[in-house]
Protein backbone atom coordinates (compact mmCIF):
# COMPACT_ATOMS: atom_id res chain seq x y z
CA MET A 1 12.16 -22.01 -15.28
CA PHE A 2 13.81 -19.97 -18.00
CA TYR A 3 11.73 -21.51 -20.92
CA LEU A 4 9.03 -20.08 -18.77
CA LEU A 5 9.89 -16.74 -19.00
CA ASN A 6 9.48 -16.58 -23.06
CA ILE A 7 6.60 -18.07 -22.73
CA LEU A 8 4.80 -15.44 -19.73
CA ILE A 9 5.18 -12.56 -22.30
CA GLN A 10 2.53 -10.18 -20.34
CA MET A 11 3.80 -10.94 -17.20
CA LYS A 12 7.00 -10.22 -16.09
CA ILE A 13 8.96 -12.28 -13.49
CA LEU A 14 11.38 -10.97 -10.97
CA LEU A 15 13.08 -13.00 -9.76
CA ASN A 16 15.89 -10.76 -7.59
CA ASN A 17 15.29 -7.52 -5.69
CA THR A 18 17.96 -6.06 -8.55
CA SER A 19 15.00 -6.42 -10.98
CA LEU A 20 12.11 -5.98 -8.38
CA PHE A 21 13.71 -2.46 -8.23
CA LYS A 22 14.23 -1.73 -12.00
CA SER A 23 10.73 -2.59 -12.31
CA LEU A 24 8.83 -0.89 -9.78
CA ARG A 25 10.32 2.09 -9.59
CA PRO A 26 8.13 3.95 -12.22
CA PHE A 27 4.27 2.41 -10.39
CA ASN A 28 2.46 4.37 -8.10
CA ASP A 29 0.31 2.39 -7.77
CA LEU A 30 0.57 -0.56 -7.04
CA GLY A 31 -1.53 -3.87 -5.06
CA PHE A 32 1.16 -6.42 -3.68
CA VAL A 33 -0.91 -10.55 -3.22
CA PRO A 34 1.71 -12.09 -0.76
CA THR A 35 1.96 -15.88 -1.52
CA MET A 36 3.46 -18.67 -0.60
CA GLY A 37 2.53 -20.62 -3.66
CA GLY A 38 -0.67 -23.19 -4.18
CA ILE A 39 -2.10 -20.68 -6.13
CA HIS A 40 -5.60 -21.52 -5.76
CA LYS A 41 -9.27 -19.64 -6.10
CA GLY A 42 -8.95 -17.88 -3.11
CA HIS A 43 -5.53 -16.05 -4.45
CA LEU A 44 -6.97 -15.70 -7.61
CA SER A 45 -9.97 -13.04 -5.57
CA LEU A 46 -7.41 -11.38 -3.96
CA ILE A 47 -6.01 -10.59 -7.46
CA ASN A 48 -9.04 -9.31 -8.76
CA LYS A 49 -9.82 -6.90 -6.19
CA SER A 50 -6.47 -5.88 -6.69
CA LYS A 51 -7.28 -4.86 -9.85
CA LYS A 52 -10.19 -3.37 -9.51
CA LEU A 53 -8.15 -1.26 -6.89
CA CYS A 54 -5.02 -0.73 -8.92
CA LYS A 55 -3.79 0.45 -11.78
CA LYS A 56 -0.75 -2.47 -11.29
CA THR A 57 -0.83 -5.99 -9.52
CA ILE A 58 1.89 -7.77 -7.88
CA VAL A 59 2.15 -11.13 -6.85
CA SER A 60 4.77 -12.69 -4.42
CA ILE A 61 5.45 -16.43 -4.19
CA PHE A 62 7.82 -17.48 -1.30
CA LEU A 63 7.57 -20.46 0.90
CA ASN A 64 9.44 -18.85 3.96
CA PRO A 65 10.54 -21.28 5.95
CA LYS A 66 11.14 -18.81 9.22
CA GLN A 67 6.36 -19.11 9.92
CA PHE A 68 6.99 -22.84 10.38
CA ASN A 69 7.07 -24.04 13.70
CA ASN A 70 6.76 -27.85 12.55
CA LYS A 71 9.65 -29.27 9.86
CA LYS A 72 6.74 -31.83 8.47
CA ASP A 73 4.66 -28.74 7.88
CA LEU A 74 6.82 -27.06 6.20
CA LYS A 75 8.44 -29.90 4.15
CA SER A 76 4.98 -31.71 3.22
CA TYR A 77 3.98 -27.58 2.00
CA PRO A 78 2.52 -28.04 -1.37
CA ARG A 79 4.90 -26.96 -4.17
CA ASN A 80 4.59 -26.07 -7.79
CA ILE A 81 5.76 -22.87 -9.23
CA LYS A 82 5.55 -24.14 -12.81
CA ASN A 83 1.22 -25.02 -12.29
CA ASP A 84 1.47 -21.41 -10.63
CA LEU A 85 3.12 -19.36 -12.92
CA ILE A 86 0.43 -21.21 -15.90
CA ILE A 87 -2.63 -19.98 -13.09
CA LEU A 88 -1.83 -16.41 -12.41
CA LYS A 89 -0.17 -15.78 -16.62
CA LYS A 90 -4.57 -17.36 -17.27
CA THR A 91 -5.71 -14.64 -15.30
CA LYS A 92 -4.83 -11.47 -17.61
CA LYS A 93 -4.49 -9.48 -14.58
CA VAL A 94 -0.81 -9.53 -12.91
CA ASP A 95 1.39 -7.55 -14.05
CA PHE A 96 4.29 -9.19 -11.58
CA VAL A 97 5.71 -11.99 -9.94
CA TYR A 98 8.29 -11.97 -7.40
CA LEU A 99 10.22 -15.72 -7.05
CA PRO A 100 13.13 -14.07 -3.95
CA LYS A 101 15.47 -16.65 -2.79
CA PHE A 102 16.13 -16.74 1.08
CA LYS A 103 19.21 -14.24 0.45
CA ASP A 104 17.09 -11.30 -1.54
CA ILE A 105 14.49 -11.83 1.76
CA TYR A 106 16.88 -11.94 4.99
CA LYS A 107 20.53 -11.77 3.93
CA ASN A 108 20.36 -7.77 4.57
CA ASN A 109 17.81 -7.49 6.74
CA LYS A 110 19.29 -6.13 10.73
CA GLU A 111 16.15 -5.36 12.35
CA SER A 112 15.74 -6.34 15.41
CA LYS A 113 13.32 -9.56 16.31
CA ILE A 114 9.94 -8.99 16.13
CA THR A 115 7.87 -10.45 19.20
CA LEU A 116 4.27 -10.20 20.26
CA ASN A 117 2.21 -8.79 22.97
CA LYS A 118 1.02 -11.03 25.14
CA LYS A 119 -2.18 -10.33 24.29
CA ASP A 120 -1.54 -11.55 20.70
CA LYS A 121 -0.56 -15.08 21.81
CA ILE A 122 -4.26 -16.44 21.78
CA LEU A 123 -5.53 -18.86 18.91
CA CYS A 124 -3.68 -19.71 16.73
CA ALA A 125 -0.16 -18.07 18.14
CA LYS A 126 -0.84 -19.93 21.31
CA PHE A 127 -0.62 -23.43 19.66
CA ARG A 128 2.24 -22.15 16.54
CA LYS A 129 4.87 -20.70 18.79
CA GLY A 130 7.03 -18.48 16.46
CA HIS A 131 4.64 -18.67 13.66
CA PHE A 132 2.95 -15.27 13.52
CA GLU A 133 6.83 -13.61 14.61
CA GLY A 134 7.53 -15.36 11.11
CA VAL A 135 4.74 -13.92 9.62
CA LEU A 136 5.61 -10.39 10.35
CA ASP A 137 9.12 -10.00 10.02
CA VAL A 138 7.95 -11.56 6.21
CA MET A 139 5.86 -9.14 5.67
CA ASN A 140 7.09 -6.29 7.29
CA ILE A 141 10.73 -6.90 4.45
CA LEU A 142 8.68 -7.29 1.65
CA THR A 143 6.19 -4.30 2.47
CA LYS A 144 9.64 -2.84 2.57
CA ILE A 145 11.22 -4.20 -0.57
CA ILE A 146 8.05 -3.26 -2.43
CA LYS A 147 6.32 -1.14 -1.34
CA PRO A 148 2.99 -1.05 -2.00
CA ASN A 149 -0.25 1.20 -1.65
CA LYS A 150 -2.27 -1.40 -0.95
CA ILE A 151 -1.69 -5.37 -0.18
CA PHE A 152 -4.39 -7.71 -0.34
CA MET A 153 -5.31 -10.41 2.38
CA GLY A 154 -7.89 -13.15 3.08
CA GLU A 155 -10.04 -13.10 5.96
CA LYS A 156 -9.98 -16.62 5.92
CA ASP A 157 -5.86 -16.59 7.91
CA PHE A 158 -8.28 -13.41 10.42
CA GLN A 159 -5.48 -13.57 12.93
CA GLN A 160 -3.02 -12.88 10.64
CA LEU A 161 -4.77 -10.04 8.72
CA TYR A 162 -5.41 -8.96 11.76
CA LEU A 163 -2.15 -8.49 13.21
CA VAL A 164 -0.31 -7.84 9.82
CA LYS A 165 -2.60 -5.22 9.58
CA LYS A 166 -2.41 -3.79 13.38
CA PHE A 167 1.54 -3.53 12.63
CA LEU A 168 1.94 -2.34 9.18
CA GLU A 169 -0.44 0.33 8.64
CA LYS A 170 1.48 2.11 11.95
CA LYS A 171 5.20 1.95 9.89
CA TYR A 172 3.89 2.15 6.66
CA PRO A 173 1.96 3.75 4.09
CA THR A 174 0.45 1.03 2.89
CA LYS A 175 -3.14 -0.15 3.44
CA ILE A 176 -4.58 -3.62 4.16
CA ILE A 177 -7.21 -4.78 2.32
CA ALA A 178 -9.49 -7.17 3.81
CA CYS A 179 -11.02 -9.77 1.44
CA LYS A 180 -13.37 -12.27 2.02
CA THR A 181 -13.05 -15.89 2.51
CA ILE A 182 -13.06 -18.66 -0.64
CA ARG A 183 -14.88 -21.60 -0.56
CA ASP A 184 -15.28 -25.08 -2.07
CA LYS A 185 -18.34 -26.37 -2.82
CA ASN A 186 -18.88 -28.28 0.34
CA LYS A 187 -18.10 -24.93 2.31
CA VAL A 188 -14.47 -25.67 3.15
CA ALA A 189 -12.59 -22.33 3.10
CA LEU A 190 -10.20 -23.14 0.38
CA SER A 191 -6.17 -23.21 1.60
CA SER A 192 -3.54 -23.81 -0.68
CA ARG A 193 -2.77 -27.36 2.18
CA ASN A 194 -6.51 -28.98 1.04
CA VAL A 195 -4.60 -30.55 -1.90
CA LEU A 196 -3.26 -32.93 0.78
CA LEU A 197 -6.73 -33.92 1.88
CA LYS A 198 -8.94 -36.42 0.47
CA LYS A 199 -12.58 -36.09 -0.88
CA SER A 200 -13.77 -37.74 2.04
CA ASN A 201 -11.76 -35.49 4.47
CA LEU A 202 -13.32 -32.49 2.53
CA TYR A 203 -16.92 -34.24 2.69
CA LYS A 204 -16.28 -34.19 6.07
CA ALA A 205 -14.85 -30.60 6.43
CA GLY A 206 -18.00 -29.26 5.04
CA LYS A 207 -20.71 -31.69 7.77
CA ILE A 208 -17.98 -29.24 10.49
CA TYR A 209 -18.19 -25.84 9.00
CA LYS A 210 -21.87 -26.56 8.59
CA LYS A 211 -22.15 -27.92 12.41
CA LEU A 212 -20.28 -24.82 13.76
CA VAL A 213 -22.09 -22.02 11.78
CA ASN A 214 -25.03 -23.60 13.54
CA ILE A 215 -23.19 -23.89 16.90
CA LYS A 216 -22.32 -20.10 16.32
CA LYS A 217 -26.54 -19.31 16.10
CA ASN A 218 -26.89 -21.43 19.35
CA THR A 219 -24.44 -19.58 21.51
CA ASN A 220 -27.20 -16.11 21.06
CA ASN A 221 -29.55 -18.03 23.10
CA LYS A 222 -26.60 -19.86 26.26
CA LYS A 223 -25.36 -17.30 29.31
CA ASN A 224 -22.29 -19.20 29.54
CA ILE A 225 -21.28 -19.19 26.62
CA PHE A 226 -17.02 -19.87 27.28
CA ASN A 227 -18.51 -23.36 28.59
CA PHE A 228 -20.92 -24.32 25.57
CA LEU A 229 -18.12 -24.19 23.55
CA ILE A 230 -16.14 -26.39 26.27
CA LYS A 231 -18.94 -28.70 25.50
CA GLN A 232 -19.63 -28.46 22.04
CA LYS A 233 -15.74 -28.77 21.18
CA LYS A 234 -15.84 -31.81 22.83
CA GLN A 235 -18.67 -32.93 21.12
CA LEU A 236 -17.37 -32.19 17.62
CA GLU A 237 -14.48 -33.85 18.64
CA ILE A 238 -15.56 -37.66 19.32
CA ASN A 239 -18.83 -36.93 17.00
CA TYR A 240 -15.92 -36.12 13.56
CA LYS A 241 -12.70 -38.21 14.90
CA ILE A 242 -10.58 -34.84 15.01
CA LYS A 243 -8.82 -32.83 17.27
CA ILE A 244 -9.56 -29.26 18.17
CA ASP A 245 -6.76 -26.64 19.37
CA TYR A 246 -9.44 -24.28 19.58
CA LEU A 247 -13.00 -23.24 18.97
CA GLU A 248 -13.26 -19.46 20.34
CA LEU A 249 -16.20 -16.65 19.75
CA ARG A 250 -14.35 -13.20 19.94
CA ASN A 251 -14.66 -10.16 18.59
CA LYS A 252 -13.47 -8.82 15.08
CA LYS A 253 -12.01 -5.39 15.84
CA ASN A 254 -9.96 -6.49 19.10
CA LEU A 255 -10.25 -10.65 18.97
CA LYS A 256 -11.06 -10.37 22.43
CA TYR A 257 -13.84 -12.75 24.22
CA THR A 258 -16.98 -11.91 23.70
CA LYS A 259 -20.72 -12.62 24.37
CA LYS A 260 -22.51 -11.20 21.65
CA ILE A 261 -22.63 -12.71 18.22
CA ILE A 262 -23.02 -8.83 17.23
CA ASN A 263 -19.18 -8.00 15.32
CA SER A 264 -18.47 -11.44 16.72
CA ARG A 265 -16.66 -14.17 14.78
CA LEU A 266 -16.45 -18.20 15.96
CA PHE A 267 -12.42 -19.23 15.37
CA VAL A 268 -11.80 -22.47 14.83
CA SER A 269 -8.71 -24.47 14.15
CA TYR A 270 -8.14 -28.12 14.21
CA TYR A 271 -6.68 -31.55 12.67
CA LEU A 272 -8.24 -33.60 9.88
CA ASN A 273 -6.13 -36.47 8.88
CA LYS A 274 -3.19 -35.02 10.37
CA ILE A 275 -3.41 -31.87 8.20
CA ARG A 276 -4.42 -28.53 10.03
CA LEU A 277 -7.27 -26.55 8.80
CA ILE A 278 -8.51 -22.96 10.14
CA ASP A 279 -11.47 -21.33 9.38
CA ASN A 280 -13.58 -18.22 11.43
CA ILE A 281 -17.76 -17.90 10.89
């Protein structure tokens, strides 16, 4: 780790909270890109947006165990700090990288435990117990520590974006900036977990995406969208040999069920080769 500090001269590495507080104190126009590592083009698009809107940009890399409801998922999550730092350095757009340890985040956290409202226990929250509580917990702490003016998050994790925005903007003078989903050549939404998939899996995921686009278009002609999507879900599972957690059309402003394509997103979560993928269209 330390030999990298000599290489990454322009991009300052912050290894603890003392270094963080000292380094960030002079700045009052700070953009923040939170990550768990596995840096890809989706993350880089967030950094580009931050660079345009803020004077300084900080990226955090912290694999938060509290948002994993599956120990195997945590164990298999891609980790390569060295490679992540090299990628971030090459952008020449990152001013600070925060690499906290578990104790830096949770040691002095004495706030009450965060709980989701019943109406928010939908989509991924329904299938990943405790996941978003963990996300909101760590985002609350990171925001309190870093004090950014703006936080940049991707629309691929739309429910996460929705909940973080609703929670943090009430509590802090921080604006959550939504950034469009970045996709690969197969139109698959970029994710750190994609490296765990074979090329054949990514090709199949691309075909599923195209099918989902057609399904959303066809919802306009259906009187009973709920039943239509149930049938489409079963058909997708049979045709592509996947397990789908949910396939739902919801209003993008409040995540309530909707019968209209206007202001809606088709949300999906499915398992491909035991890797869980999510998307919204």
